[in-house]
C-alpha atoms as a PDB file:
ATOM      1  CA  MET A   1      74.067 111.143 131.970  1.00  0.00           C
ATOM      2  CA  GLU A   2      70.503 112.303 131.716  1.00  0.00           C
ATOM      3  CA  ILE A   3      69.460 114.839 129.061  1.00  0.00           C
ATOM      4  CA  ASP A   4      67.223 117.643 130.271  1.00  0.00           C
ATOM      5  CA  LYS A   5      64.330 117.875 127.782  1.00  0.00           C
ATOM      6  CA  LYS A   6      63.488 121.431 128.865  1.00  0.00           C
ATOM      7  CA  ILE A   7      66.916 122.713 127.829  1.00  0.00           C
ATOM      8  CA  ILE A   8      66.707 120.968 124.448  1.00  0.00           C
ATOM      9  CA  LYS A   9      63.214 122.453 123.890  1.00  0.00           C
ATOM     10  CA  LYS A  10      64.570 125.955 124.684  1.00  0.00           C
ATOM     11  CA  LEU A  11      67.459 125.462 122.245  1.00  0.00           C
ATOM     12  CA  ILE A  12      65.141 124.300 119.476  1.00  0.00           C
ATOM     13  CA  ASP A  13      62.833 127.287 120.071  1.00  0.00           C
ATOM     14  CA  ALA A  14      65.808 129.675 120.009  1.00  0.00           C
ATOM     15  CA  LEU A  15      67.026 128.196 116.714  1.00  0.00           C
ATOM     16  CA  GLU A  16      63.544 128.477 115.199  1.00  0.00           C
ATOM     17  CA  ASP A  17      63.340 132.141 116.264  1.00  0.00           C
ATOM     18  CA  LEU A  18      66.758 132.784 114.723  1.00  0.00           C
ATOM     19  CA  LYS A  19      65.695 131.092 111.503  1.00  0.00           C
ATOM     20  CA  LYS A  20      62.557 133.274 111.324  1.00  0.00           C
ATOM     21  CA  SER A  21      64.580 136.439 111.977  1.00  0.00           C
ATOM     22  CA  LEU A  22      66.881 135.653 109.077  1.00  0.00           C
ATOM     23  CA  ASN A  23      63.918 135.334 106.680  1.00  0.00           C
ATOM     24  CA  ASP A  24      65.395 132.169 105.160  1.00  0.00           C
ATOM     25  CA  LYS A  25      68.663 133.897 104.181  1.00  0.00           C
ATOM     26  CA  ASP A  26      71.776 131.735 104.012  1.00  0.00           C
ATOM     27  CA  ILE A  27      73.833 131.899 107.196  1.00  0.00           C
ATOM     28  CA  ILE A  28      77.004 130.665 105.519  1.00  0.00           C
ATOM     29  CA  SER A  29      78.810 133.263 103.450  1.00  0.00           C
ATOM     30  CA  ASN A  30      81.696 132.459 101.174  1.00  0.00           C
ATOM     31  CA  ASP A  31      84.102 135.255 102.027  1.00  0.00           C
ATOM     32  CA  ASP A  32      86.787 134.659  99.431  1.00  0.00           C
ATOM     33  CA  SER A  33      88.043 138.241  99.318  1.00  0.00           C
ATOM     34  CA  VAL A  34      91.672 137.175  98.861  1.00  0.00           C
ATOM     35  CA  GLU A  35      90.808 134.900  95.933  1.00  0.00           C
ATOM     36  CA  GLU A  36      88.605 137.592  94.362  1.00  0.00           C
ATOM     37  CA  GLU A  37      91.417 140.121  94.780  1.00  0.00           C
ATOM     38  CA  ILE A  38      93.855 137.728  93.100  1.00  0.00           C
ATOM     39  CA  GLU A  39      91.449 137.070  90.225  1.00  0.00           C
ATOM     40  CA  ILE A  40      90.894 140.805  89.705  1.00  0.00           C
ATOM     41  CA  SER A  41      94.593 141.585  89.918  1.00  0.00           C
ATOM     42  CA  LYS A  42      95.918 138.760  87.693  1.00  0.00           C
ATOM     43  CA  ALA A  43      99.378 140.123  88.507  1.00  0.00           C
ATOM     44  CA  VAL A  44     100.705 137.329  90.686  1.00  0.00           C
ATOM     45  CA  VAL A  45     103.917 135.413  91.167  1.00  0.00           C
ATOM     46  CA  LYS A  46     103.462 131.669  91.636  1.00  0.00           C
ATOM     47  CA  SER A  47     105.755 129.008  93.006  1.00  0.00           C
ATOM     48  CA  PRO A  48     107.603 127.161  90.242  1.00  0.00           C
ATOM     49  CA  ILE A  49     108.212 124.110  92.471  1.00  0.00           C
ATOM     50  CA  VAL A  50     107.152 122.336  95.656  1.00  0.00           C
ATOM     51  CA  GLY A  51     109.316 123.203  98.646  1.00  0.00           C
ATOM     52  CA  THR A  52     109.802 125.538 101.586  1.00  0.00           C
ATOM     53  CA  ALA A  53     109.551 129.296 101.014  1.00  0.00           C
ATOM     54  CA  TYR A  54     112.083 131.654 102.546  1.00  0.00           C
ATOM     55  CA  LEU A  55     111.560 135.410 102.375  1.00  0.00           C
ATOM     56  CA  ALA A  56     115.234 136.259 103.022  1.00  0.00           C
ATOM     57  CA  SER A  57     118.583 134.888 101.904  1.00  0.00           C
ATOM     58  CA  GLU A  58     119.411 133.722 105.450  1.00  0.00           C
ATOM     59  CA  PRO A  59     117.842 133.843 108.922  1.00  0.00           C
ATOM     60  CA  GLY A  60     117.840 137.385 110.282  1.00  0.00           C
ATOM     61  CA  ALA A  61     118.644 138.957 106.912  1.00  0.00           C
ATOM     62  CA  LYS A  62     116.528 141.641 105.245  1.00  0.00           C
ATOM     63  CA  PRO A  63     113.635 140.102 103.243  1.00  0.00           C
ATOM     64  CA  PHE A  64     113.825 140.210  99.443  1.00  0.00           C
ATOM     65  CA  VAL A  65     110.473 142.028  99.202  1.00  0.00           C
ATOM     66  CA  SER A  66     107.975 143.781 101.457  1.00  0.00           C
ATOM     67  CA  VAL A  67     104.487 145.156 100.924  1.00  0.00           C
ATOM     68  CA  GLY A  68     104.680 148.410  98.962  1.00  0.00           C
ATOM     69  CA  LYS A  69     108.098 147.706  97.432  1.00  0.00           C
ATOM     70  CA  LYS A  70     108.475 148.229  93.686  1.00  0.00           C
ATOM     71  CA  ILE A  71     110.078 145.286  91.927  1.00  0.00           C
ATOM     72  CA  LYS A  72     111.295 144.673  88.405  1.00  0.00           C
ATOM     73  CA  LYS A  73     110.873 141.630  86.187  1.00  0.00           C
ATOM     74  CA  GLY A  74     113.520 139.033  87.011  1.00  0.00           C
ATOM     75  CA  GLU A  75     114.227 140.343  90.529  1.00  0.00           C
ATOM     76  CA  THR A  76     114.364 137.635  93.222  1.00  0.00           C
ATOM     77  CA  ILE A  77     111.280 137.772  95.428  1.00  0.00           C
ATOM     78  CA  MET A  78     112.015 134.739  97.609  1.00  0.00           C
ATOM     79  CA  ILE A  79     113.787 131.390  97.754  1.00  0.00           C
ATOM     80  CA  VAL A  80     112.052 128.016  97.569  1.00  0.00           C
ATOM     81  CA  GLU A  81     114.154 125.182  98.987  1.00  0.00           C
ATOM     82  CA  ALA A  82     113.611 121.773  97.449  1.00  0.00           C
ATOM     83  CA  MET A  83     115.799 118.754  98.241  1.00  0.00           C
ATOM     84  CA  LYS A  84     118.501 120.915  99.890  1.00  0.00           C
ATOM     85  CA  THR A  85     118.693 123.139  96.798  1.00  0.00           C
ATOM     86  CA  MET A  86     117.948 126.856  97.151  1.00  0.00           C
ATOM     87  CA  ASN A  87     115.928 128.012  94.126  1.00  0.00           C
ATOM     88  CA  HIS A  88     115.588 131.760  93.608  1.00  0.00           C
ATOM     89  CA  VAL A  89     112.063 132.697  92.497  1.00  0.00           C
ATOM     90  CA  PRO A  90     112.144 135.672  90.114  1.00  0.00           C
ATOM     91  CA  SER A  91     109.323 138.130  89.561  1.00  0.00           C
ATOM     92  CA  SER A  92     107.522 137.473  86.300  1.00  0.00           C
ATOM     93  CA  MET A  93     106.705 141.166  85.789  1.00  0.00           C
ATOM     94  CA  ASP A  94     107.288 144.708  87.024  1.00  0.00           C
ATOM     95  CA  GLY A  95     105.003 145.974  89.772  1.00  0.00           C
ATOM     96  CA  THR A  96     104.446 146.941  93.371  1.00  0.00           C
ATOM     97  CA  VAL A  97     104.026 144.250  96.018  1.00  0.00           C
ATOM     98  CA  LYS A  98     100.412 144.403  97.179  1.00  0.00           C
ATOM     99  CA  LYS A  99     100.295 141.286  99.351  1.00  0.00           C
ATOM    100  CA  ILE A 100     102.670 138.494 100.414  1.00  0.00           C
ATOM    101  CA  LEU A 101     100.642 135.306 100.795  1.00  0.00           C
ATOM    102  CA  VAL A 102     103.259 133.045 102.405  1.00  0.00           C
ATOM    103  CA  GLU A 103     105.245 133.206 105.620  1.00  0.00           C
ATOM    104  CA  ASP A 104     108.936 132.542 106.087  1.00  0.00           C
ATOM    105  CA  GLY A 105     109.569 128.785 106.351  1.00  0.00           C
ATOM    106  CA  GLN A 106     106.106 127.839 105.088  1.00  0.00           C
ATOM    107  CA  PRO A 107     105.732 124.822 102.773  1.00  0.00           C
ATOM    108  CA  VAL A 108     104.465 125.769  99.312  1.00  0.00           C
ATOM    109  CA  GLU A 109     102.936 123.784  96.468  1.00  0.00           C
ATOM    110  CA  TYR A 110     103.608 123.976  92.747  1.00  0.00           C
ATOM    111  CA  ASP A 111     101.695 126.893  91.161  1.00  0.00           C
ATOM    112  CA  GLN A 112     100.684 128.332  94.572  1.00  0.00           C
ATOM    113  CA  VAL A 113     100.342 132.119  94.540  1.00  0.00           C
ATOM    114  CA  LEU A 114     103.194 133.626  96.540  1.00  0.00           C
ATOM    115  CA  ILE A 115     102.818 137.352  95.913  1.00  0.00           C
ATOM    116  CA  VAL A 116     100.140 139.648  94.507  1.00  0.00           C
ATOM    117  CA  LEU A 117     101.382 142.649  92.489  1.00  0.00           C
ATOM    118  CA  GLU A 118      99.716 145.886  91.414  1.00  0.00           C
END
């Protein structure tokens, strides 16, 4: 396969023009809005164990929580299955569910944020 030097020259010129138009600003932006939101909120529920998260008690059942729902401390927010044992994850505080960060059947790690509360 032969490389066309004219095409490469055009690409290099286009990249140089782009670089000049950006005035040496960084192209890569660290858009960590979810992490910033979690840090600002500080009201989160984390996974107590490694396992598989389930948002409802059984397939097809109503989920324990949904965005906008008010929950009380100690209320079950989801189940994390580990080694065939279903572990109910309780809320650590009162609040309103702002964001659910895991999907049904998703593997979760120890101390992973599951839910953000207001």
